[in-house]
C-alpha cells in the first residue's frame, strides 16, 4: 500500500469554501467508483481555514502521474467533477509549475519508529 499527502488552497471566499464542503458531503458515485478502480483505496480531505490536506492510500501499483489522468477518462462525470472542483481551488505557493494538488513530504512515521524500538 502507498500513502500520499497533498495540499492546495480553496479560494479565499467563505461562500466558496461552504459550497466545496457541501459537494464533498455527497461526492458523485461515478467519481468514487472511478478513483477506486484506478487503485485509490481511501481518500480523506481535511480543511483548516482555506487550506486543504488530502491523505490518500492506494495500491502498490498506483502511480499518480498515470492513474489520476486515467481516472478522468473512465466516466464523463469524473472530468465534470474535476472541472467543477477546480472553480473552488487554487494551488499553494509551494506548488511546482503545473501542479494543482502539491505533493507533501513525509517527515514522521510513528509506526516505523515504534517498530525500531
Protein backbone atom coordinates (compact mmCIF):
# COMPACT_ATOMS: atom_id res chain seq x y z
CA UNK A 1 0.00 0.00 0.00
CA UNK A 2 1.19 3.53 -0.83
CA UNK A 3 0.36 6.67 1.12
CA UNK A 4 0.13 10.16 -0.38
CA UNK A 5 -0.31 13.55 1.27
CA UNK A 6 -1.21 16.56 -0.83
CA UNK A 7 -2.33 20.12 -0.22
CA UNK A 8 -3.98 23.01 -2.01
CA UNK A 9 -5.97 26.11 -1.14
CA UNK A 10 -9.56 26.98 -1.70
CA UNK A 11 -10.27 30.46 -2.98
CA UNK A 12 -10.45 32.95 -0.14
CA UNK A 13 -14.22 33.29 -0.04
CA UNK A 14 -16.39 31.83 2.77
CA UNK A 15 -19.23 31.02 0.35
CA UNK A 16 -16.90 29.11 -1.99
CA UNK A 17 -15.49 27.15 0.95
CA UNK A 18 -19.02 26.34 2.14
CA UNK A 19 -20.00 25.10 -1.34
CA UNK A 20 -16.86 22.97 -1.65
CA UNK A 21 -17.56 21.28 1.68
CA UNK A 22 -21.20 20.70 0.69
CA UNK A 23 -20.19 19.00 -2.58
CA UNK A 24 -17.85 16.66 -0.70
CA UNK A 25 -20.59 15.54 1.67
CA UNK A 26 -22.12 13.77 -1.32
CA UNK A 27 -19.39 13.11 -3.87
CA UNK A 28 -20.74 11.78 -7.14
CA UNK A 29 -20.76 7.94 -7.20
CA UNK A 30 -19.08 7.82 -10.64
CA UNK A 31 -16.13 9.73 -9.19
CA UNK A 32 -15.81 7.45 -6.19
CA UNK A 33 -16.04 4.27 -8.28
CA UNK A 34 -13.54 5.54 -10.86
CA UNK A 35 -11.00 6.58 -8.22
CA UNK A 36 -11.33 3.14 -6.64
CA UNK A 37 -10.93 1.41 -10.00
CA UNK A 38 -7.54 3.08 -10.64
CA UNK A 39 -6.20 1.97 -7.26
CA UNK A 40 -7.27 4.56 -4.68
CA UNK A 41 -8.16 2.61 -1.55
CA UNK A 42 -9.13 5.54 0.66
CA UNK A 43 -9.03 9.31 0.49
CA UNK A 44 -9.63 11.82 3.25
CA UNK A 45 -9.61 15.61 2.87
CA UNK A 46 -9.19 17.94 5.84
CA UNK A 47 -9.78 21.70 5.94
CA UNK A 48 -8.21 24.46 8.02
CA UNK A 49 -9.22 27.96 7.02
CA UNK A 50 -8.90 27.66 3.26
CA UNK A 51 -6.03 25.12 3.23
CA UNK A 52 -6.94 21.56 2.23
CA UNK A 53 -4.91 18.50 3.19
CA UNK A 54 -5.59 15.22 1.40
CA UNK A 55 -4.46 11.89 2.86
CA UNK A 56 -4.77 9.04 0.41
CA UNK A 57 -3.93 5.35 0.47
CA UNK A 58 -3.54 3.47 -2.80
CA UNK A 59 -2.45 0.13 -4.16
CA UNK A 60 1.27 -0.57 -4.58
CA UNK A 61 0.89 -0.23 -8.35
CA UNK A 62 -0.77 3.21 -8.16
CA UNK A 63 1.14 5.97 -9.97
CA UNK A 64 -0.46 9.41 -9.55
CA UNK A 65 1.07 10.69 -12.80
CA UNK A 66 -0.61 7.86 -14.72
CA UNK A 67 -3.67 6.90 -12.70
CA UNK A 68 -5.16 10.32 -11.93
CA UNK A 69 -5.28 11.18 -15.67
CA UNK A 70 -6.69 7.70 -16.36
CA UNK A 71 -9.43 8.22 -13.74
CA UNK A 72 -10.57 11.33 -15.63
CA UNK A 73 -11.30 9.23 -18.74
CA UNK A 74 -13.31 6.47 -17.08
CA UNK A 75 -16.60 8.38 -16.91
CA UNK A 76 -17.64 11.83 -18.18
CA UNK A 77 -18.73 12.74 -14.64
CA UNK A 78 -15.10 12.46 -13.46
CA UNK A 79 -13.87 15.26 -15.71
CA UNK A 80 -17.01 17.26 -14.92
CA UNK A 81 -16.30 16.86 -11.18
CA UNK A 82 -12.66 17.92 -11.59
CA UNK A 83 -13.63 20.94 -13.66
CA UNK A 84 -16.24 21.96 -11.09
CA UNK A 85 -13.88 21.49 -8.13
CA UNK A 86 -11.24 23.50 -9.99
CA UNK A 87 -13.51 26.53 -9.80
CA UNK A 88 -13.11 26.46 -6.00
CA UNK A 89 -9.39 25.64 -5.83
CA UNK A 90 -6.03 27.33 -6.29
CA UNK A 91 -2.51 25.94 -5.87
CA UNK A 92 -0.48 26.69 -2.77
CA UNK A 93 2.52 28.95 -3.31
CA UNK A 94 4.86 25.97 -2.74
CA UNK A 95 3.32 24.00 -5.65
CA UNK A 96 5.55 23.12 -8.57
CA UNK A 97 4.82 24.50 -12.03
CA UNK A 98 1.57 22.96 -13.30
CA UNK A 99 0.86 21.17 -10.00
CA UNK A 100 -2.66 21.61 -8.64
CA UNK A 101 -2.55 19.41 -5.55
CA UNK A 102 1.01 19.83 -4.24
CA UNK A 103 2.70 16.64 -3.03
CA UNK A 104 3.88 16.77 0.58
CA UNK A 105 6.93 15.01 2.03
CA UNK A 106 6.51 12.67 4.97
CA UNK A 107 8.68 13.75 7.90
CA UNK A 108 7.40 11.45 10.67
CA UNK A 109 6.17 7.86 10.87
CA UNK A 110 5.27 6.80 14.41
CA UNK A 111 4.59 3.19 13.44
CA UNK A 112 8.03 2.79 11.83
CA UNK A 113 9.76 4.36 14.83
CA UNK A 114 7.84 2.20 17.28
CA UNK A 115 8.89 -0.93 15.37
CA UNK A 116 12.51 0.20 15.64
CA UNK A 117 12.36 0.45 19.45
